[in-house]
Protein backbone atom coordinates (compact mmCIF):
# COMPACT_ATOMS: atom_id res chain seq x y z
CA MET A 1 -0.01 -0.01 0.02
CA GLU A 2 1.31 3.47 -0.92
CA ASN A 3 2.55 5.56 1.97
CA PRO A 4 1.92 9.22 0.96
CA THR A 5 4.39 10.68 3.43
CA ARG A 6 7.19 8.35 2.23
CA THR A 7 6.34 9.24 -1.36
CA LEU A 8 6.53 12.89 -0.54
CA ASN A 9 9.96 12.44 1.05
CA GLY A 10 11.07 10.39 -1.98
CA LEU A 11 10.24 13.39 -4.23
CA GLY A 12 12.93 15.31 -2.38
CA GLN A 13 10.87 17.26 0.16
CA SER A 14 11.41 17.00 3.89
CA LEU A 15 8.29 16.65 6.01
CA TRP A 16 8.55 18.22 9.43
CA LEU A 17 6.01 18.34 12.27
CA ASP A 18 4.90 21.80 13.42
CA ASN A 19 4.17 20.78 16.97
CA ILE A 20 5.85 19.57 20.16
CA THR A 21 4.49 18.33 23.49
CA ARG A 22 6.14 16.55 26.36
CA GLY A 23 3.53 13.84 25.96
CA MET A 24 4.45 12.94 22.36
CA LEU A 25 8.11 12.82 23.37
CA GLY A 26 7.44 10.40 26.19
CA ASP A 27 4.84 8.08 24.67
CA GLY A 28 6.58 7.22 21.41
CA THR A 29 4.35 9.30 19.18
CA LEU A 30 7.18 11.42 17.73
CA LEU A 31 9.40 8.35 17.26
CA GLY A 32 6.50 6.70 15.42
CA TYR A 33 6.07 9.67 13.16
CA ARG A 34 9.81 9.49 12.29
CA ASP A 35 9.73 5.74 11.60
CA HIS A 36 6.32 5.31 9.97
CA LYS A 37 5.40 8.73 8.51
CA ALA A 38 8.79 9.91 7.21
CA VAL A 39 8.82 12.92 9.55
CA THR A 40 12.44 14.17 9.56
CA GLY A 41 12.32 17.28 11.73
CA LEU A 42 10.25 19.52 13.92
CA THR A 43 9.36 23.19 14.40
CA SER A 44 8.03 24.98 17.45
CA ASN A 45 6.81 28.53 18.21
CA PRO A 46 5.47 30.42 21.22
CA THR A 47 1.85 29.48 20.35
CA ILE A 48 2.69 25.76 20.26
CA PHE A 49 4.47 25.87 23.66
CA ALA A 50 1.71 27.98 25.20
CA GLN A 51 -0.86 25.37 24.23
CA ALA A 52 1.32 22.51 25.37
CA ILE A 53 1.97 23.98 28.85
CA LYS A 54 -1.62 25.20 29.37
CA SER A 55 -3.32 21.95 28.26
CA GLY A 56 -2.06 19.63 30.96
CA LYS A 57 0.25 18.93 33.92
CA ASP A 58 3.25 17.48 32.04
CA TYR A 59 5.35 20.55 32.84
CA ASP A 60 4.27 21.16 36.46
CA ALA A 61 7.03 19.12 38.15
CA SER A 62 9.73 20.92 36.16
CA ILE A 63 8.12 24.29 36.94
CA ARG A 64 8.05 23.41 40.67
CA ALA A 65 11.70 22.45 40.55
CA ALA A 66 12.63 25.86 39.07
CA GLY A 67 12.09 27.59 42.40
CA HIS A 68 11.98 31.38 42.17
CA ALA A 69 13.58 31.88 38.74
CA ASP A 70 12.36 34.40 36.24
CA PRO A 71 9.35 32.86 34.34
CA GLU A 72 10.91 33.52 30.92
CA THR A 73 14.10 31.76 32.05
CA VAL A 74 11.99 28.87 33.34
CA PHE A 75 10.17 28.61 29.99
CA PHE A 76 13.38 28.47 27.96
CA GLY A 77 14.64 25.70 30.27
CA LEU A 78 11.42 23.70 29.68
CA ALA A 79 11.59 24.27 25.92
CA ILE A 80 15.23 23.34 25.69
CA ASP A 81 14.61 20.13 27.65
CA ASP A 82 11.88 19.16 25.19
CA LEU A 83 13.87 20.12 22.11
CA ARG A 84 16.95 18.20 23.28
CA ARG A 85 14.77 15.07 23.46
CA ALA A 86 13.29 15.81 20.01
CA ALA A 87 16.81 16.47 18.61
CA ALA A 88 17.95 13.10 19.92
CA ILE A 89 15.04 11.39 18.12
CA PHE A 90 16.05 13.09 14.85
CA GLU A 91 19.78 12.59 15.39
CA PRO A 92 19.90 9.48 13.10
CA VAL A 93 18.31 11.56 10.31
CA TYR A 94 20.84 14.32 10.91
CA GLN A 95 23.72 11.88 10.65
CA HIS A 96 22.34 10.00 7.63
CA THR A 97 21.85 13.28 5.69
CA HIS A 98 25.11 14.80 6.84
CA GLY A 99 23.35 17.65 8.56
CA VAL A 100 20.91 18.63 5.80
CA ASP A 101 17.90 17.27 7.72
CA GLY A 102 16.94 16.13 11.19
CA TRP A 103 16.51 19.61 12.73
CA VAL A 104 14.37 21.03 15.57
CA SER A 105 13.73 24.77 16.18
CA LEU A 106 13.55 27.11 19.16
CA GLU A 107 12.38 30.76 18.74
CA VAL A 108 13.87 33.78 20.40
CA SER A 109 11.48 35.93 22.40
CA PRO A 110 8.97 37.63 20.11
CA LEU A 111 9.40 40.74 22.27
CA LEU A 112 12.75 41.22 20.55
CA ALA A 113 11.37 41.32 16.96
CA ASP A 114 12.36 45.00 16.59
CA ASP A 115 15.66 44.82 18.50
CA THR A 116 18.61 43.59 16.40
CA GLN A 117 21.29 43.54 19.13
CA ARG A 118 19.22 41.81 21.79
CA THR A 119 18.02 39.22 19.25
CA ILE A 120 21.69 38.42 18.47
CA GLU A 121 22.56 38.16 22.14
CA GLN A 122 19.61 35.93 23.03
CA ALA A 123 20.10 33.67 20.01
CA VAL A 124 23.79 33.12 20.89
CA ALA A 125 22.89 32.47 24.54
CA LEU A 126 20.08 29.98 23.71
CA HIS A 127 22.26 28.09 21.21
CA LYS A 128 25.01 27.78 23.86
CA GLN A 129 22.55 26.75 26.57
CA ALA A 130 20.98 24.04 24.44
CA ALA A 131 24.33 22.68 23.25
CA VAL A 132 22.65 20.64 20.54
CA HIS A 133 24.06 20.63 17.01
CA ASN A 134 20.77 19.97 15.22
CA LEU A 135 18.86 22.86 16.83
CA PHE A 136 17.89 25.91 14.78
CA ILE A 137 17.37 29.23 16.54
CA LYS A 138 14.31 30.87 14.99
CA VAL A 139 14.76 34.59 14.21
CA PRO A 140 11.99 36.63 12.52
CA GLY A 141 12.70 38.08 9.08
CA THR A 142 11.58 41.50 10.21
CA PRO A 143 13.54 44.65 9.23
CA ALA A 144 15.42 44.40 12.60
CA GLY A 145 15.76 40.65 12.27
CA VAL A 146 17.54 40.66 8.90
CA PRO A 147 20.86 42.16 10.19
CA ALA A 148 20.66 39.80 13.12
CA ILE A 149 20.41 36.85 10.73
CA GLU A 150 23.59 37.92 8.89
CA GLU A 151 25.52 38.37 12.15
CA LEU A 152 24.35 35.07 13.64
CA ILE A 153 25.23 33.09 10.49
CA PHE A 154 28.66 34.74 10.60
CA ARG A 155 28.98 33.67 14.22
CA GLY A 156 28.12 30.07 13.26
CA ILE A 157 24.61 29.87 14.70
CA PRO A 158 22.16 27.72 12.66
CA ILE A 159 19.12 29.91 11.88
CA ASN A 160 15.51 29.20 10.95
CA VAL A 161 14.25 32.55 9.56
CA THR A 162 10.59 32.83 10.45
CA LEU A 163 7.65 35.12 9.60
CA LEU A 164 8.43 35.51 5.90
CA PHE A 165 5.51 36.19 3.60
CA SER A 166 6.54 37.76 0.30
CA PRO A 167 9.28 37.41 -2.36
CA ASP A 168 10.99 40.57 -1.16
CA GLN A 169 10.93 39.43 2.48
CA TYR A 170 12.32 36.05 1.41
CA GLN A 171 15.03 37.70 -0.71
CA ALA A 172 16.10 39.92 2.20
CA ALA A 173 16.46 36.89 4.51
CA ALA A 174 18.32 34.87 1.85
CA GLU A 175 20.74 37.67 1.17
CA ALA A 176 21.37 38.13 4.91
CA TRP A 177 22.29 34.38 5.08
CA LEU A 178 24.53 34.83 2.02
CA ARG A 179 26.34 37.82 3.47
CA GLY A 180 26.93 35.98 6.74
CA LEU A 181 28.46 33.03 4.90
CA GLU A 182 30.53 35.23 2.62
CA ARG A 183 31.96 36.95 5.70
CA ARG A 184 32.82 33.55 7.17
CA HIS A 185 34.46 32.55 3.88
CA ALA A 186 36.52 35.74 3.82
CA ALA A 187 37.63 35.01 7.41
CA GLY A 188 38.65 31.48 6.52
CA LEU A 189 35.92 29.89 8.69
CA ASP A 190 33.97 26.68 8.16
CA LEU A 191 30.89 27.18 5.96
CA ASP A 192 28.84 24.29 7.19
CA ILE A 193 26.23 26.51 8.92
CA ALA A 194 22.69 25.31 8.26
CA SER A 195 19.69 27.54 7.69
CA VAL A 196 16.11 27.47 6.42
CA ALA A 197 13.82 30.30 5.34
CA SER A 198 10.24 29.82 6.50
CA VAL A 199 7.49 31.23 4.33
CA PHE A 200 3.96 31.44 5.87
CA ILE A 201 1.23 30.57 3.39
CA SER A 202 -2.34 30.00 4.62
CA ARG A 203 -2.51 33.43 6.32
CA TRP A 204 -2.53 35.04 2.86
CA ASP A 205 -5.72 33.24 1.91
CA VAL A 206 -7.45 33.81 5.28
CA LYS A 207 -6.65 37.55 5.11
CA VAL A 208 -8.29 38.14 1.72
CA ALA A 209 -11.16 35.60 1.81
CA ASP A 210 -13.86 38.22 2.46
CA LYS A 211 -12.37 40.71 -0.06
CA VAL A 212 -12.42 38.64 -3.27
CA PRO A 213 -14.95 36.48 -5.16
CA THR A 214 -15.20 32.79 -4.42
CA GLU A 215 -13.25 31.78 -7.51
CA LEU A 216 -10.15 33.52 -6.05
CA HIS A 217 -10.40 31.85 -2.65
CA ASN A 218 -7.23 29.91 -1.67
CA LYS A 219 -5.35 31.15 -4.73
CA LEU A 220 -3.24 34.05 -3.36
CA GLY A 221 -0.96 31.92 -1.16
CA PHE A 222 0.00 29.64 -4.11
CA ALA A 223 0.68 32.60 -6.41
CA VAL A 224 3.00 34.16 -3.82
CA CYS A 225 4.70 30.79 -3.25
CA ALA A 226 5.27 30.36 -7.00
CA GLN A 227 7.11 33.66 -7.14
CA ILE A 228 9.16 32.85 -4.01
CA TYR A 229 10.05 29.45 -5.36
CA ALA A 230 11.24 31.01 -8.66
CA ARG A 231 13.50 33.34 -6.68
CA TYR A 232 14.79 30.43 -4.57
CA ARG A 233 15.71 28.41 -7.66
CA ALA A 234 17.38 31.48 -9.25
CA LEU A 235 19.38 31.94 -6.01
CA LEU A 236 20.52 28.29 -6.10
CA ASP A 237 21.79 28.85 -9.66
CA SER A 238 23.57 32.09 -8.79
CA PRO A 239 27.38 32.36 -8.85
CA ARG A 240 27.38 33.64 -5.25
CA VAL A 241 25.69 30.55 -3.85
CA GLN A 242 27.66 28.14 -6.09
CA ARG A 243 30.98 29.66 -5.02
CA LEU A 244 29.98 29.07 -1.38
CA GLN A 245 28.83 25.51 -2.16
CA ASN A 246 32.18 24.86 -3.78
CA ALA A 247 33.76 25.93 -0.51
CA GLY A 248 31.63 23.58 1.59
CA ALA A 249 28.37 25.42 2.26
CA HIS A 250 24.88 23.87 2.37
CA VAL A 251 22.16 25.96 0.77
CA GLN A 252 19.57 27.72 2.93
CA ARG A 253 16.52 25.55 2.20
CA LEU A 254 13.09 27.05 1.56
CA LEU A 255 10.50 25.93 4.11
CA TRP A 256 6.73 26.11 3.70
CA ALA A 257 5.05 26.98 6.99
CA SER A 258 1.44 27.72 8.06
CA THR A 259 0.30 24.84 5.88
CA GLY A 260 -2.83 23.81 7.80
CA THR A 261 -5.99 24.51 5.77
CA LYS A 262 -8.15 27.16 7.46
CA ASP A 263 -10.98 27.10 4.91
CA THR A 264 -13.33 24.25 5.96
CA SER A 265 -14.69 24.01 2.38
CA ALA A 266 -11.22 23.24 0.99
CA SER A 267 -9.09 20.10 1.04
CA ASP A 268 -7.38 19.50 4.39
CA VAL A 269 -4.14 18.71 2.52
CA LEU A 270 -4.38 21.64 0.07
CA TYR A 271 -1.05 23.23 1.07
CA ILE A 272 0.85 19.94 1.02
CA GLU A 273 -0.24 18.51 -2.35
CA ASN A 274 0.34 21.75 -4.20
CA LEU A 275 3.72 22.75 -2.74
CA ILE A 276 5.89 19.68 -3.44
CA ALA A 277 9.38 20.66 -4.52
CA PRO A 278 12.80 19.05 -4.08
CA LEU A 279 15.26 20.61 -1.69
CA THR A 280 12.47 22.22 0.35
CA VAL A 281 10.73 21.50 3.65
CA ASN A 282 7.03 21.43 4.50
CA THR A 283 6.32 21.75 8.18
CA MET A 284 2.73 20.86 9.03
CA PRO A 285 0.44 20.74 12.05
CA GLU A 286 -0.19 17.27 13.52
CA LYS A 287 -3.78 17.20 12.21
CA THR A 288 -2.53 17.97 8.66
CA LEU A 289 0.25 15.34 8.92
CA LEU A 290 -2.28 12.65 9.88
CA ALA A 291 -4.68 13.73 7.07
CA PHE A 292 -1.91 13.63 4.48
CA ALA A 293 -0.72 10.24 5.71
CA ASP A 294 -4.31 8.95 5.35
CA HIS A 295 -5.38 10.39 1.96
CA GLY A 296 -2.69 12.69 0.54
CA LYS A 297 -1.78 12.41 -3.14
CA PRO A 298 1.81 13.50 -3.76
CA GLU A 299 1.61 13.51 -7.55
CA ARG A 300 2.93 16.79 -8.92
CA LEU A 301 6.07 18.84 -8.44
CA MET A 302 5.84 22.63 -8.43
CA PRO A 303 6.90 24.09 -11.82
CA LEU A 304 10.23 25.93 -11.77
CA ASP A 305 8.50 29.00 -13.18
CA ASP A 306 4.69 29.16 -12.98
CA PRO A 307 3.50 31.55 -15.72
CA SER A 308 0.00 31.76 -14.19
CA ALA A 309 1.20 33.31 -10.92
CA ALA A 310 1.60 36.81 -12.29
CA GLY A 311 -1.87 36.69 -13.79
CA THR A 312 -3.38 35.57 -10.47
CA LEU A 313 -1.63 38.36 -8.61
CA ALA A 314 -2.97 40.84 -11.17
CA GLN A 315 -6.49 39.60 -10.43
CA PHE A 316 -5.94 40.28 -6.72
CA GLN A 317 -4.51 43.70 -7.49
CA ALA A 318 -7.73 44.51 -9.41
CA HIS A 319 -9.45 44.00 -6.06
CA GLY A 320 -7.08 46.40 -4.30
CA ILE A 321 -4.73 43.76 -2.89
CA THR A 322 -1.02 44.46 -3.43
CA MET A 323 1.32 41.63 -2.49
CA GLU A 324 4.23 43.45 -0.85
CA GLU A 325 2.01 45.91 1.02
CA LEU A 326 -0.14 43.14 2.38
CA ALA A 327 2.96 41.13 3.27
CA LYS A 328 4.09 43.92 5.65
CA VAL A 329 0.70 43.77 7.38
CA LEU A 330 0.84 39.96 7.64
CA GLN A 331 4.34 40.06 9.07
CA LYS A 332 3.34 42.62 11.68
CA GLU A 333 0.18 40.66 12.57
CA GLY A 334 2.22 37.45 12.77
CA ALA A 335 4.76 39.08 15.11
CA ASP A 336 1.91 40.52 17.27
CA SER A 337 0.18 37.14 17.55
CA PHE A 338 3.44 35.57 18.74
CA VAL A 339 3.84 38.36 21.30
CA LYS A 340 0.29 37.64 22.55
CA SER A 341 1.09 33.91 22.82
CA TRP A 342 4.39 34.75 24.53
CA ARG A 343 2.68 36.80 27.21
CA GLU A 344 0.12 34.02 27.76
CA LEU A 345 3.00 31.53 27.98
CA VAL A 346 4.97 33.54 30.55
CA ASP A 347 1.79 34.21 32.58
CA THR A 348 0.97 30.50 32.57
CA VAL A 349 4.44 29.60 33.79
CA SER A 350 4.25 32.33 36.43
CA GLU A 351 0.86 31.05 37.65
CA ARG A 352 2.12 27.49 37.86
CA MET A 353 5.16 28.72 39.76
CA GLY A 354 2.87 30.61 42.17
CA ALA A 355 0.69 27.54 42.67
CA ALA A 356 3.81 25.45 43.39
CA ALA A 357 5.02 28.01 45.96
């Protein structure tokens, strides 16, 4: 019987889980996803951890043991404990792929999204605290985050660039990665510093659903992705990237994020079946992973250059929707939603610490 997740992986795309809980680490669920559903990595964010800590008592003993520490420090300790266990589960994948795959991700505080220097300092500190070689530090691709990405790559910190929405935002993040590696190369340093660039998709379609006719529903995200994918492939073919590859660098892979279908009238695997491309990652919520494993049809690779994308974007522009302008709004809203989750997270940890006291 065909295994859709294995077929997807065989087409050259990595399938990661966009979730983590202490329960799935302890009961064999994540290990089962690795062994039976071809899951080769994992992403997390403040919302995911907020839900995990609020929804049960798995973290209470660790919170009690933390004593009177700062709640944010306590949270990072909890998250790093979980991600170390997840990283160990994916260590065989990391070894087998020579560091291309098998990664887990930890996000810096969303409160730092507009502070370049503090983002750099926290990312360095978290990477050192975790002491795990297959852990990405997630840094937002905001205007303040872009220079932080360059500096962190130069310092040898593996980075997952998050909160990217548009071709220009993706390009800025990719060029920051490139500059960081070129500085390492000029300094005679090792170039084996991994990175992914995470593009959020479904939020495009949710944002415009009530502003366009039905025939344009769930079309904007794919048109944007087509243009980003074309830029990614052009970047891979560029002399700058190929010179670095020749000196030992891995490429910064493109990662599709926010791939759970929000429109209940659409396919629950819409953003998986239509975004299959080699040398990319698709990180999906657990519900979407299980749906794709059950009835997904990995049949078609994305075209290298989709000529219909520009026409689709023109249709949206006719309804007053401009891609790069809306991308700025989406990035700001995404950052704000992570700040909200972060405050809930810190409040929950603080409450549990108070209850323990």
